[in-house]
Amino acid sequence: MNEQKKPTWKEFEAQLIAKAVTDETFRRELIQNPKKVVQQEIDKESGVKLPAELEVKVIEQPASTLVIVLPCIPVETLSHDELDQVAGGSVPNCNSGFAKNPPYCGLNPAWG
């Protein structure tokens, strides 16, 4: 039995973006109903349910604007290794206590 590797959160996000760039109907639906569309796409991968309290936002970046998304605020002091991970763009480990309830935790075992 050959089990397919589940994507990381960044890979999943990249898949959403790629689809939104090439499929105008999908893009409109993602902007109008982000949580519903993200859940539908997760269902194709794993069927894991998004937490009811999780808010999903999709922001369409204007050509004349630079959007920088900051990670959630850490709830405890970070070690040098954890700071290096954040600075390097890594997603924090959901089980490390590094961030309080990041929204992607629990969605895919590979994400944390």
PDB file of N, CA and C in Angstrom:
ATOM      1  N   MET A   1       0.837  -1.172   0.000  1.00  0.00           N
ATOM      2  CA  MET A   1       0.000   0.000   0.000  1.00  0.00           C
ATOM      3  C   MET A   1       0.886   1.240   0.000  1.00  0.00           C
ATOM      4  N   ASN A   2       0.737   2.095  -0.974  1.00  0.00           N
ATOM      5  CA  ASN A   2       1.545   3.297  -1.104  1.00  0.00           C
ATOM      6  C   ASN A   2       0.748   4.507  -0.624  1.00  0.00           C
ATOM      7  N   GLU A   3       1.072   4.984   0.584  1.00  0.00           N
ATOM      8  CA  GLU A   3       0.355   6.112   1.161  1.00  0.00           C
ATOM      9  C   GLU A   3       0.945   7.418   0.644  1.00  0.00           C
ATOM     10  N   GLN A   4       0.068   8.303   0.153  1.00  0.00           N
ATOM     11  CA  GLN A   4       0.510   9.577  -0.402  1.00  0.00           C
ATOM     12  C   GLN A   4       0.924  10.522   0.724  1.00  0.00           C
ATOM     13  N   LYS A   5       2.053  11.234   0.537  1.00  0.00           N
ATOM     14  CA  LYS A   5       2.549  12.187   1.522  1.00  0.00           C
ATOM     15  C   LYS A   5       1.602  13.385   1.576  1.00  0.00           C
ATOM     16  N   LYS A   6       1.213  13.777   2.799  1.00  0.00           N
ATOM     17  CA  LYS A   6       0.342  14.929   2.977  1.00  0.00           C
ATOM     18  C   LYS A   6       1.176  16.194   2.870  1.00  0.00           C
ATOM     19  N   PRO A   7       0.613  17.256   2.280  1.00  0.00           N
ATOM     20  CA  PRO A   7       1.393  18.491   2.127  1.00  0.00           C
ATOM     21  C   PRO A   7       1.585  19.198   3.467  1.00  0.00           C
ATOM     22  N   THR A   8       2.659  19.971   3.560  1.00  0.00           N
ATOM     23  CA  THR A   8       2.853  20.852   4.705  1.00  0.00           C
ATOM     24  C   THR A   8       1.878  22.008   4.560  1.00  0.00           C
ATOM     25  N   TRP A   9       1.748  22.821   5.613  1.00  0.00           N
ATOM     26  CA  TRP A   9       0.853  23.980   5.524  1.00  0.00           C
ATOM     27  C   TRP A   9       1.277  24.899   4.385  1.00  0.00           C
ATOM     28  N   LYS A  10       2.571  25.183   4.240  1.00  0.00           N
ATOM     29  CA  LYS A  10       3.056  26.072   3.174  1.00  0.00           C
ATOM     30  C   LYS A  10       2.746  25.473   1.800  1.00  0.00           C
ATOM     31  N   GLU A  11       2.890  24.167   1.643  1.00  0.00           N
ATOM     32  CA  GLU A  11       2.564  23.521   0.366  1.00  0.00           C
ATOM     33  C   GLU A  11       1.065  23.622   0.086  1.00  0.00           C
ATOM     34  N   PHE A  12       0.250  23.399   1.120  1.00  0.00           N
ATOM     35  CA  PHE A  12      -1.200  23.499   0.964  1.00  0.00           C
ATOM     36  C   PHE A  12      -1.600  24.926   0.593  1.00  0.00           C
ATOM     37  N   GLU A  13      -1.021  25.892   1.280  1.00  0.00           N
ATOM     38  CA  GLU A  13      -1.292  27.300   0.982  1.00  0.00           C
ATOM     39  C   GLU A  13      -0.884  27.634  -0.454  1.00  0.00           C
ATOM     40  N   ALA A  14       0.264  27.139  -0.884  1.00  0.00           N
ATOM     41  CA  ALA A  14       0.738  27.371  -2.256  1.00  0.00           C
ATOM     42  C   ALA A  14      -0.219  26.756  -3.277  1.00  0.00           C
ATOM     43  N   GLN A  15      -0.790  25.583  -2.950  1.00  0.00           N
ATOM     44  CA  GLN A  15      -1.775  24.956  -3.843  1.00  0.00           C
ATOM     45  C   GLN A  15      -3.026  25.830  -3.976  1.00  0.00           C
ATOM     46  N   LEU A  16      -3.487  26.381  -2.844  1.00  0.00           N
ATOM     47  CA  LEU A  16      -4.648  27.268  -2.878  1.00  0.00           C
ATOM     48  C   LEU A  16      -4.373  28.491  -3.750  1.00  0.00           C
ATOM     49  N   ILE A  17      -3.218  29.100  -3.537  1.00  0.00           N
ATOM     50  CA  ILE A  17      -2.855  30.296  -4.292  1.00  0.00           C
ATOM     51  C   ILE A  17      -2.741  29.987  -5.782  1.00  0.00           C
ATOM     52  N   ALA A  18      -2.079  28.889  -6.116  1.00  0.00           N
ATOM     53  CA  ALA A  18      -1.919  28.515  -7.525  1.00  0.00           C
ATOM     54  C   ALA A  18      -3.277  28.299  -8.194  1.00  0.00           C
ATOM     55  N   LYS A  19      -4.181  27.642  -7.493  1.00  0.00           N
ATOM     56  CA  LYS A  19      -5.517  27.408  -8.048  1.00  0.00           C
ATOM     57  C   LYS A  19      -6.270  28.726  -8.209  1.00  0.00           C
ATOM     58  N   ALA A  20      -6.128  29.629  -7.231  1.00  0.00           N
ATOM     59  CA  ALA A  20      -6.814  30.922  -7.284  1.00  0.00           C
ATOM     60  C   ALA A  20      -6.277  31.803  -8.415  1.00  0.00           C
ATOM     61  N   VAL A  21      -5.019  31.627  -8.763  1.00  0.00           N
ATOM     62  CA  VAL A  21      -4.424  32.408  -9.850  1.00  0.00           C
ATOM     63  C   VAL A  21      -4.913  31.927 -11.212  1.00  0.00           C
ATOM     64  N   THR A  22      -5.177  30.632 -11.331  1.00  0.00           N
ATOM     65  CA  THR A  22      -5.547  30.067 -12.636  1.00  0.00           C
ATOM     66  C   THR A  22      -7.040  29.828 -12.813  1.00  0.00           C
ATOM     67  N   ASP A  23      -7.817  29.897 -11.733  1.00  0.00           N
ATOM     68  CA  ASP A  23      -9.252  29.600 -11.799  1.00  0.00           C
ATOM     69  C   ASP A  23     -10.032  30.755 -11.168  1.00  0.00           C
ATOM     70  N   GLU A  24     -10.558  31.649 -12.006  1.00  0.00           N
ATOM     71  CA  GLU A  24     -11.244  32.857 -11.532  1.00  0.00           C
ATOM     72  C   GLU A  24     -12.465  32.539 -10.675  1.00  0.00           C
ATOM     73  N   THR A  25     -13.197  31.491 -10.996  1.00  0.00           N
ATOM     74  CA  THR A  25     -14.365  31.098 -10.193  1.00  0.00           C
ATOM     75  C   THR A  25     -13.926  30.674  -8.794  1.00  0.00           C
ATOM     76  N   PHE A  26     -12.881  29.870  -8.727  1.00  0.00           N
ATOM     77  CA  PHE A  26     -12.338  29.441  -7.437  1.00  0.00           C
ATOM     78  C   PHE A  26     -11.854  30.652  -6.642  1.00  0.00           C
ATOM     79  N   ARG A  27     -11.168  31.572  -7.309  1.00  0.00           N
ATOM     80  CA  ARG A  27     -10.649  32.783  -6.653  1.00  0.00           C
ATOM     81  C   ARG A  27     -11.784  33.589  -6.020  1.00  0.00           C
ATOM     82  N   ARG A  28     -12.850  33.826  -6.770  1.00  0.00           N
ATOM     83  CA  ARG A  28     -13.993  34.596  -6.246  1.00  0.00           C
ATOM     84  C   ARG A  28     -14.610  33.892  -5.037  1.00  0.00           C
ATOM     85  N   GLU A  29     -14.783  32.583  -5.146  1.00  0.00           N
ATOM     86  CA  GLU A  29     -15.372  31.816  -4.053  1.00  0.00           C
ATOM     87  C   GLU A  29     -14.458  31.822  -2.821  1.00  0.00           C
ATOM     88  N   LEU A  30     -13.149  31.723  -3.040  1.00  0.00           N
ATOM     89  CA  LEU A  30     -12.191  31.752  -1.936  1.00  0.00           C
ATOM     90  C   LEU A  30     -12.244  33.100  -1.212  1.00  0.00           C
ATOM     91  N   ILE A  31     -12.386  34.173  -1.953  1.00  0.00           N
ATOM     92  CA  ILE A  31     -12.470  35.514  -1.350  1.00  0.00           C
ATOM     93  C   ILE A  31     -13.798  35.692  -0.620  1.00  0.00           C
ATOM     94  N   GLN A  32     -14.884  35.216  -1.214  1.00  0.00           N
ATOM     95  CA  GLN A  32     -16.219  35.407  -0.634  1.00  0.00           C
ATOM     96  C   GLN A  32     -16.503  34.464   0.538  1.00  0.00           C
ATOM     97  N   ASN A  33     -16.032  33.225   0.463  1.00  0.00           N
ATOM     98  CA  ASN A  33     -16.310  32.198   1.476  1.00  0.00           C
ATOM     99  C   ASN A  33     -15.028  31.450   1.839  1.00  0.00           C
ATOM    100  N   PRO A  34     -14.049  32.147   2.416  1.00  0.00           N
ATOM    101  CA  PRO A  34     -12.739  31.516   2.615  1.00  0.00           C
ATOM    102  C   PRO A  34     -12.756  30.258   3.471  1.00  0.00           C
ATOM    103  N   LYS A  35     -13.473  30.255   4.571  1.00  0.00           N
ATOM    104  CA  LYS A  35     -13.448  29.080   5.445  1.00  0.00           C
ATOM    105  C   LYS A  35     -14.082  27.881   4.751  1.00  0.00           C
ATOM    106  N   LYS A  36     -15.186  28.105   4.070  1.00  0.00           N
ATOM    107  CA  LYS A  36     -15.873  27.021   3.363  1.00  0.00           C
ATOM    108  C   LYS A  36     -14.965  26.412   2.288  1.00  0.00           C
ATOM    109  N   VAL A  37     -14.328  27.271   1.506  1.00  0.00           N
ATOM    110  CA  VAL A  37     -13.479  26.791   0.411  1.00  0.00           C
ATOM    111  C   VAL A  37     -12.233  26.091   0.958  1.00  0.00           C
ATOM    112  N   VAL A  38     -11.615  26.657   1.983  1.00  0.00           N
ATOM    113  CA  VAL A  38     -10.439  26.011   2.579  1.00  0.00           C
ATOM    114  C   VAL A  38     -10.829  24.640   3.127  1.00  0.00           C
ATOM    115  N   GLN A  39     -11.984  24.549   3.792  1.00  0.00           N
ATOM    116  CA  GLN A  39     -12.434  23.262   4.320  1.00  0.00           C
ATOM    117  C   GLN A  39     -12.655  22.255   3.187  1.00  0.00           C
ATOM    118  N   GLN A  40     -13.239  22.712   2.084  1.00  0.00           N
ATOM    119  CA  GLN A  40     -13.458  21.817   0.940  1.00  0.00           C
ATOM    120  C   GLN A  40     -12.126  21.288   0.404  1.00  0.00           C
ATOM    121  N   GLU A  41     -11.133  22.146   0.358  1.00  0.00           N
ATOM    122  CA  GLU A  41      -9.824  21.724  -0.143  1.00  0.00           C
ATOM    123  C   GLU A  41      -9.138  20.794   0.863  1.00  0.00           C
ATOM    124  N   ILE A  42      -9.282  21.054   2.154  1.00  0.00           N
ATOM    125  CA  ILE A  42      -8.724  20.159   3.172  1.00  0.00           C
ATOM    126  C   ILE A  42      -9.390  18.794   3.077  1.00  0.00           C
ATOM    127  N   ASP A  43     -10.710  18.788   2.840  1.00  0.00           N
ATOM    128  CA  ASP A  43     -11.442  17.529   2.714  1.00  0.00           C
ATOM    129  C   ASP A  43     -10.857  16.653   1.603  1.00  0.00           C
ATOM    130  N   LYS A  44     -10.358  17.267   0.550  1.00  0.00           N
ATOM    131  CA  LYS A  44      -9.755  16.507  -0.548  1.00  0.00           C
ATOM    132  C   LYS A  44      -8.456  15.843  -0.105  1.00  0.00           C
ATOM    133  N   GLU A  45      -7.755  16.464   0.867  1.00  0.00           N
ATOM    134  CA  GLU A  45      -6.481  15.950   1.353  1.00  0.00           C
ATOM    135  C   GLU A  45      -6.650  14.953   2.494  1.00  0.00           C
ATOM    136  N   SER A  46      -7.486  15.342   3.495  1.00  0.00           N
ATOM    137  CA  SER A  46      -7.508  14.526   4.707  1.00  0.00           C
ATOM    138  C   SER A  46      -8.860  14.411   5.385  1.00  0.00           C
ATOM    139  N   GLY A  47      -9.755  15.337   5.151  1.00  0.00           N
ATOM    140  CA  GLY A  47     -11.043  15.298   5.821  1.00  0.00           C
ATOM    141  C   GLY A  47     -11.029  15.850   7.226  1.00  0.00           C
ATOM    142  N   VAL A  48      -9.897  16.387   7.685  1.00  0.00           N
ATOM    143  CA  VAL A  48      -9.812  16.994   9.008  1.00  0.00           C
ATOM    144  C   VAL A  48     -10.671  18.252   9.006  1.00  0.00           C
ATOM    145  N   LYS A  49     -11.380  18.491  10.096  1.00  0.00           N
ATOM    146  CA  LYS A  49     -12.279  19.645  10.175  1.00  0.00           C
ATOM    147  C   LYS A  49     -11.580  20.842  10.802  1.00  0.00           C
ATOM    148  N   LEU A  50     -11.816  22.017  10.235  1.00  0.00           N
ATOM    149  CA  LEU A  50     -11.322  23.250  10.824  1.00  0.00           C
ATOM    150  C   LEU A  50     -12.072  23.511  12.125  1.00  0.00           C
ATOM    151  N   PRO A  51     -11.400  24.036  13.135  1.00  0.00           N
ATOM    152  CA  PRO A  51     -12.097  24.365  14.383  1.00  0.00           C
ATOM    153  C   PRO A  51     -13.185  25.411  14.136  1.00  0.00           C
ATOM    154  N   ALA A  52     -14.317  25.261  14.806  1.00  0.00           N
ATOM    155  CA  ALA A  52     -15.447  26.166  14.616  1.00  0.00           C
ATOM    156  C   ALA A  52     -15.060  27.616  14.906  1.00  0.00           C
ATOM    157  N   GLU A  53     -14.187  27.821  15.897  1.00  0.00           N
ATOM    158  CA  GLU A  53     -13.820  29.177  16.292  1.00  0.00           C
ATOM    159  C   GLU A  53     -12.748  29.804  15.391  1.00  0.00           C
ATOM    160  N   LEU A  54     -12.201  29.028  14.462  1.00  0.00           N
ATOM    161  CA  LEU A  54     -11.149  29.529  13.574  1.00  0.00           C
ATOM    162  C   LEU A  54     -11.735  30.460  12.522  1.00  0.00           C
ATOM    163  N   GLU A  55     -11.177  31.649  12.436  1.00  0.00           N
ATOM    164  CA  GLU A  55     -11.560  32.599  11.397  1.00  0.00           C
ATOM    165  C   GLU A  55     -10.562  32.460  10.252  1.00  0.00           C
ATOM    166  N   VAL A  56     -11.050  32.406   9.032  1.00  0.00           N
ATOM    167  CA  VAL A  56     -10.192  32.298   7.853  1.00  0.00           C
ATOM    168  C   VAL A  56     -10.358  33.570   7.040  1.00  0.00           C
ATOM    169  N   LYS A  57      -9.261  34.233   6.750  1.00  0.00           N
ATOM    170  CA  LYS A  57      -9.281  35.464   5.959  1.00  0.00           C
ATOM    171  C   LYS A  57      -8.445  35.272   4.706  1.00  0.00           C
ATOM    172  N   VAL A  58      -8.941  35.793   3.602  1.00  0.00           N
ATOM    173  CA  VAL A  58      -8.190  35.825   2.352  1.00  0.00           C
ATOM    174  C   VAL A  58      -8.102  37.296   1.957  1.00  0.00           C
ATOM    175  N   ILE A  59      -6.895  37.750   1.734  1.00  0.00           N
ATOM    176  CA  ILE A  59      -6.675  39.146   1.359  1.00  0.00           C
ATOM    177  C   ILE A  59      -6.101  39.176  -0.047  1.00  0.00           C
ATOM    178  N   GLU A  60      -6.770  39.891  -0.923  1.00  0.00           N
ATOM    179  CA  GLU A  60      -6.280  40.037  -2.294  1.00  0.00           C
ATOM    180  C   GLU A  60      -5.296  41.207  -2.307  1.00  0.00           C
ATOM    181  N   GLN A  61      -4.047  40.919  -2.606  1.00  0.00           N
ATOM    182  CA  GLN A  61      -3.006  41.934  -2.568  1.00  0.00           C
ATOM    183  C   GLN A  61      -3.058  42.813  -3.811  1.00  0.00           C
ATOM    184  N   PRO A  62      -3.285  44.119  -3.628  1.00  0.00           N
ATOM    185  CA  PRO A  62      -3.249  45.036  -4.779  1.00  0.00           C
ATOM    186  C   PRO A  62      -1.832  45.127  -5.343  1.00  0.00           C
ATOM    187  N   ALA A  63      -1.720  45.420  -6.620  1.00  0.00           N
ATOM    188  CA  ALA A  63      -0.415  45.492  -7.274  1.00  0.00           C
ATOM    189  C   ALA A  63       0.483  46.555  -6.646  1.00  0.00           C
ATOM    190  N   SER A  64      -0.103  47.599  -6.097  1.00  0.00           N
ATOM    191  CA  SER A  64       0.685  48.701  -5.542  1.00  0.00           C
ATOM    192  C   SER A  64       0.908  48.592  -4.034  1.00  0.00           C
ATOM    193  N   THR A  65       0.659  47.415  -3.464  1.00  0.00           N
ATOM    194  CA  THR A  65       0.758  47.236  -2.020  1.00  0.00           C
ATOM    195  C   THR A  65       1.604  46.017  -1.690  1.00  0.00           C
ATOM    196  N   LEU A  66       2.457  46.164  -0.687  1.00  0.00           N
ATOM    197  CA  LEU A  66       3.225  45.040  -0.170  1.00  0.00           C
ATOM    198  C   LEU A  66       2.541  44.592   1.110  1.00  0.00           C
ATOM    199  N   VAL A  67       2.113  43.340   1.170  1.00  0.00           N
ATOM    200  CA  VAL A  67       1.453  42.792   2.344  1.00  0.00           C
ATOM    201  C   VAL A  67       2.440  41.884   3.067  1.00  0.00           C
ATOM    202  N   ILE A  68       2.637  42.146   4.350  1.00  0.00           N
ATOM    203  CA  ILE A  68       3.508  41.318   5.179  1.00  0.00           C
ATOM    204  C   ILE A  68       2.634  40.689   6.253  1.00  0.00           C
ATOM    205  N   VAL A  69       2.634  39.369   6.311  1.00  0.00           N
ATOM    206  CA  VAL A  69       1.839  38.650   7.297  1.00  0.00           C
ATOM    207  C   VAL A  69       2.748  38.254   8.441  1.00  0.00           C
ATOM    208  N   LEU A  70       2.449  38.759   9.611  1.00  0.00           N
ATOM    209  CA  LEU A  70       3.235  38.439  10.793  1.00  0.00           C
ATOM    210  C   LEU A  70       2.670  37.204  11.477  1.00  0.00           C
ATOM    211  N   PRO A  71       3.530  36.365  12.045  1.00  0.00           N
ATOM    212  CA  PRO A  71       3.027  35.199  12.785  1.00  0.00           C
ATOM    213  C   PRO A  71       2.391  35.647  14.095  1.00  0.00           C
ATOM    214  N   CYS A  72       1.661  34.740  14.723  1.00  0.00           N
ATOM    215  CA  CYS A  72       1.033  35.054  16.004  1.00  0.00           C
ATOM    216  C   CYS A  72       2.107  35.400  17.036  1.00  0.00           C
ATOM    217  N   ILE A  73       1.706  36.134  18.048  1.00  0.00           N
ATOM    218  CA  ILE A  73       2.629  36.556  19.094  1.00  0.00           C
ATOM    219  C   ILE A  73       2.933  35.372  20.000  1.00  0.00           C
ATOM    220  N   PRO A  74       4.215  35.078  20.213  1.00  0.00           N
ATOM    221  CA  PRO A  74       4.578  33.975  21.097  1.00  0.00           C
ATOM    222  C   PRO A  74       4.084  34.239  22.516  1.00  0.00           C
ATOM    223  N   VAL A  75       3.709  33.172  23.207  1.00  0.00           N
ATOM    224  CA  VAL A  75       3.216  33.305  24.578  1.00  0.00           C
ATOM    225  C   VAL A  75       4.318  33.071  25.602  1.00  0.00           C
ATOM    226  N   GLU A  76       5.471  32.697  25.158  1.00  0.00           N
ATOM    227  CA  GLU A  76       6.586  32.506  26.073  1.00  0.00           C
ATOM    228  C   GLU A  76       7.859  32.915  25.363  1.00  0.00           C
ATOM    229  N   THR A  77       8.936  33.050  26.099  1.00  0.00           N
ATOM    230  CA  THR A  77      10.211  33.432  25.531  1.00  0.00           C
ATOM    231  C   THR A  77      10.692  32.333  24.578  1.00  0.00           C
ATOM    232  N   LEU A  78      11.174  32.752  23.438  1.00  0.00           N
ATOM    233  CA  LEU A  78      11.664  31.798  22.447  1.00  0.00           C
ATOM    234  C   LEU A  78      13.146  31.520  22.660  1.00  0.00           C
ATOM    235  N   SER A  79      13.528  30.283  22.387  1.00  0.00           N
ATOM    236  CA  SER A  79      14.949  29.932  22.412  1.00  0.00           C
ATOM    237  C   SER A  79      15.597  30.496  21.154  1.00  0.00           C
ATOM    238  N   HIS A  80      16.904  30.503  21.115  1.00  0.00           N
ATOM    239  CA  HIS A  80      17.606  30.971  19.915  1.00  0.00           C
ATOM    240  C   HIS A  80      17.255  30.117  18.701  1.00  0.00           C
ATOM    241  N   ASP A  81      17.114  28.805  18.900  1.00  0.00           N
ATOM    242  CA  ASP A  81      16.744  27.911  17.794  1.00  0.00           C
ATOM    243  C   ASP A  81      15.354  28.257  17.257  1.00  0.00           C
ATOM    244  N   GLU A  82      14.418  28.512  18.164  1.00  0.00           N
ATOM    245  CA  GLU A  82      13.051  28.860  17.733  1.00  0.00           C
ATOM    246  C   GLU A  82      13.037  30.208  17.022  1.00  0.00           C
ATOM    247  N   LEU A  83      13.820  31.172  17.513  1.00  0.00           N
ATOM    248  CA  LEU A  83      13.925  32.465  16.832  1.00  0.00           C
ATOM    249  C   LEU A  83      14.495  32.278  15.432  1.00  0.00           C
ATOM    250  N   ASP A  84      15.499  31.407  15.304  1.00  0.00           N
ATOM    251  CA  ASP A  84      16.071  31.125  13.989  1.00  0.00           C
ATOM    252  C   ASP A  84      15.026  30.530  13.054  1.00  0.00           C
ATOM    253  N   GLN A  85      14.166  29.638  13.581  1.00  0.00           N
ATOM    254  CA  GLN A  85      13.113  29.042  12.762  1.00  0.00           C
ATOM    255  C   GLN A  85      12.167  30.110  12.254  1.00  0.00           C
ATOM    256  N   VAL A  86      11.734  31.001  13.130  1.00  0.00           N
ATOM    257  CA  VAL A  86      10.803  32.060  12.735  1.00  0.00           C
ATOM    258  C   VAL A  86      11.458  32.974  11.722  1.00  0.00           C
ATOM    259  N   ALA A  87      12.693  33.380  11.991  1.00  0.00           N
ATOM    260  CA  ALA A  87      13.401  34.274  11.081  1.00  0.00           C
ATOM    261  C   ALA A  87      13.610  33.616   9.726  1.00  0.00           C
ATOM    262  N   GLY A  88      13.748  32.290   9.717  1.00  0.00           N
ATOM    263  CA  GLY A  88      13.958  31.561   8.469  1.00  0.00           C
ATOM    264  C   GLY A  88      12.677  31.223   7.761  1.00  0.00           C
ATOM    265  N   GLY A  89      11.532  31.583   8.333  1.00  0.00           N
ATOM    266  CA  GLY A  89      10.260  31.346   7.680  1.00  0.00           C
ATOM    267  C   GLY A  89       9.635  30.015   7.994  1.00  0.00           C
ATOM    268  N   SER A  90      10.185  29.273   8.952  1.00  0.00           N
ATOM    269  CA  SER A  90       9.598  27.988   9.293  1.00  0.00           C
ATOM    270  C   SER A  90       8.310  28.176  10.059  1.00  0.00           C
ATOM    271  N   VAL A  91       7.409  27.227   9.913  1.00  0.00           N
ATOM    272  CA  VAL A  91       6.176  27.231  10.686  1.00  0.00           C
ATOM    273  C   VAL A  91       6.487  26.636  12.048  1.00  0.00           C
ATOM    274  N   PRO A  92       6.071  27.305  13.151  1.00  0.00           N
ATOM    275  CA  PRO A  92       6.370  26.763  14.468  1.00  0.00           C
ATOM    276  C   PRO A  92       5.702  25.412  14.682  1.00  0.00           C
ATOM    277  N   ASN A  93       6.349  24.583  15.485  1.00  0.00           N
ATOM    278  CA  ASN A  93       5.799  23.279  15.817  1.00  0.00           C
ATOM    279  C   ASN A  93       4.611  23.462  16.745  1.00  0.00           C
ATOM    280  N   CYS A  94       3.477  22.889  16.401  1.00  0.00           N
ATOM    281  CA  CYS A  94       2.248  23.052  17.174  1.00  0.00           C
ATOM    282  C   CYS A  94       2.360  22.478  18.570  1.00  0.00           C
ATOM    283  N   ASN A  95       3.248  21.526  18.769  1.00  0.00           N
ATOM    284  CA  ASN A  95       3.353  20.862  20.060  1.00  0.00           C
ATOM    285  C   ASN A  95       4.441  21.450  20.941  1.00  0.00           C
ATOM    286  N   SER A  96       5.136  22.488  20.474  1.00  0.00           N
ATOM    287  CA  SER A  96       6.287  22.993  21.216  1.00  0.00           C
ATOM    288  C   SER A  96       5.913  23.997  22.285  1.00  0.00           C
ATOM    289  N   GLY A  97       4.663  24.481  22.300  1.00  0.00           N
ATOM    290  CA  GLY A  97       4.304  25.521  23.239  1.00  0.00           C
ATOM    291  C   GLY A  97       4.792  26.872  22.757  1.00  0.00           C
ATOM    292  N   PHE A  98       5.328  26.929  21.569  1.00  0.00           N
ATOM    293  CA  PHE A  98       5.925  28.108  20.988  1.00  0.00           C
ATOM    294  C   PHE A  98       4.895  29.192  20.716  1.00  0.00           C
ATOM    295  N   ALA A  99       3.726  28.816  20.295  1.00  0.00           N
ATOM    296  CA  ALA A  99       2.673  29.788  20.018  1.00  0.00           C
ATOM    297  C   ALA A  99       1.363  29.219  20.529  1.00  0.00           C
ATOM    298  N   LYS A 100       0.501  30.074  21.003  1.00  0.00           N
ATOM    299  CA  LYS A 100      -0.760  29.621  21.574  1.00  0.00           C
ATOM    300  C   LYS A 100      -1.765  29.370  20.453  1.00  0.00           C
ATOM    301  N   ASN A 101      -2.120  28.101  20.254  1.00  0.00           N
ATOM    302  CA  ASN A 101      -3.153  27.687  19.313  1.00  0.00           C
ATOM    303  C   ASN A 101      -3.022  28.273  17.912  1.00  0.00           C
ATOM    304  N   PRO A 102      -1.882  28.082  17.236  1.00  0.00           N
ATOM    305  CA  PRO A 102      -1.817  28.544  15.853  1.00  0.00           C
ATOM    306  C   PRO A 102      -2.959  27.917  15.065  1.00  0.00           C
ATOM    307  N   PRO A 103      -3.569  28.629  14.122  1.00  0.00           N
ATOM    308  CA  PRO A 103      -4.765  28.144  13.451  1.00  0.00           C
ATOM    309  C   PRO A 103      -4.584  26.872  12.655  1.00  0.00           C
ATOM    310  N   TYR A 104      -3.376  26.571  12.222  1.00  0.00           N
ATOM    311  CA  TYR A 104      -3.144  25.403  11.384  1.00  0.00           C
ATOM    312  C   TYR A 104      -2.891  24.149  12.216  1.00  0.00           C
ATOM    313  N   CYS A 105      -2.687  24.285  13.527  1.00  0.00           N
ATOM    314  CA  CYS A 105      -2.378  23.122  14.351  1.00  0.00           C
ATOM    315  C   CYS A 105      -3.535  22.133  14.363  1.00  0.00           C
ATOM    316  N   GLY A 106      -3.196  20.882  14.225  1.00  0.00           N
ATOM    317  CA  GLY A 106      -4.201  19.831  14.270  1.00  0.00           C
ATOM    318  C   GLY A 106      -4.848  19.545  12.933  1.00  0.00           C
ATOM    319  N   LEU A 107      -4.582  20.356  11.912  1.00  0.00           N
ATOM    320  CA  LEU A 107      -5.198  20.138  10.617  1.00  0.00           C
ATOM    321  C   LEU A 107      -4.516  18.999   9.858  1.00  0.00           C
ATOM    322  N   ASN A 108      -3.231  18.889  10.020  1.00  0.00           N
ATOM    323  CA  ASN A 108      -2.471  17.884   9.302  1.00  0.00           C
ATOM    324  C   ASN A 108      -1.287  17.514  10.190  1.00  0.00           C
ATOM    325  N   PRO A 109      -1.121  16.250  10.530  1.00  0.00           N
ATOM    326  CA  PRO A 109      -0.005  15.868  11.402  1.00  0.00           C
ATOM    327  C   PRO A 109       1.349  16.359  10.893  1.00  0.00           C
ATOM    328  N   ALA A 110       1.517  16.516   9.600  1.00  0.00           N
ATOM    329  CA  ALA A 110       2.784  16.972   9.058  1.00  0.00           C
ATOM    330  C   ALA A 110       3.030  18.453   9.353  1.00  0.00           C
ATOM    331  N   TRP A 111       1.985  19.197   9.746  1.00  0.00           N
ATOM    332  CA  TRP A 111       2.137  20.629  10.004  1.00  0.00           C
ATOM    333  C   TRP A 111       2.609  20.900  11.411  1.00  0.00           C
ATOM    334  N   GLY A 112       2.776  19.922  12.229  1.00  0.00           N
ATOM    335  CA  GLY A 112       3.217  20.244  13.566  1.00  0.00           C
ATOM    336  C   GLY A 112       3.504  19.042  14.330  1.00  0.00           C
TER     337      GLY A 112
END
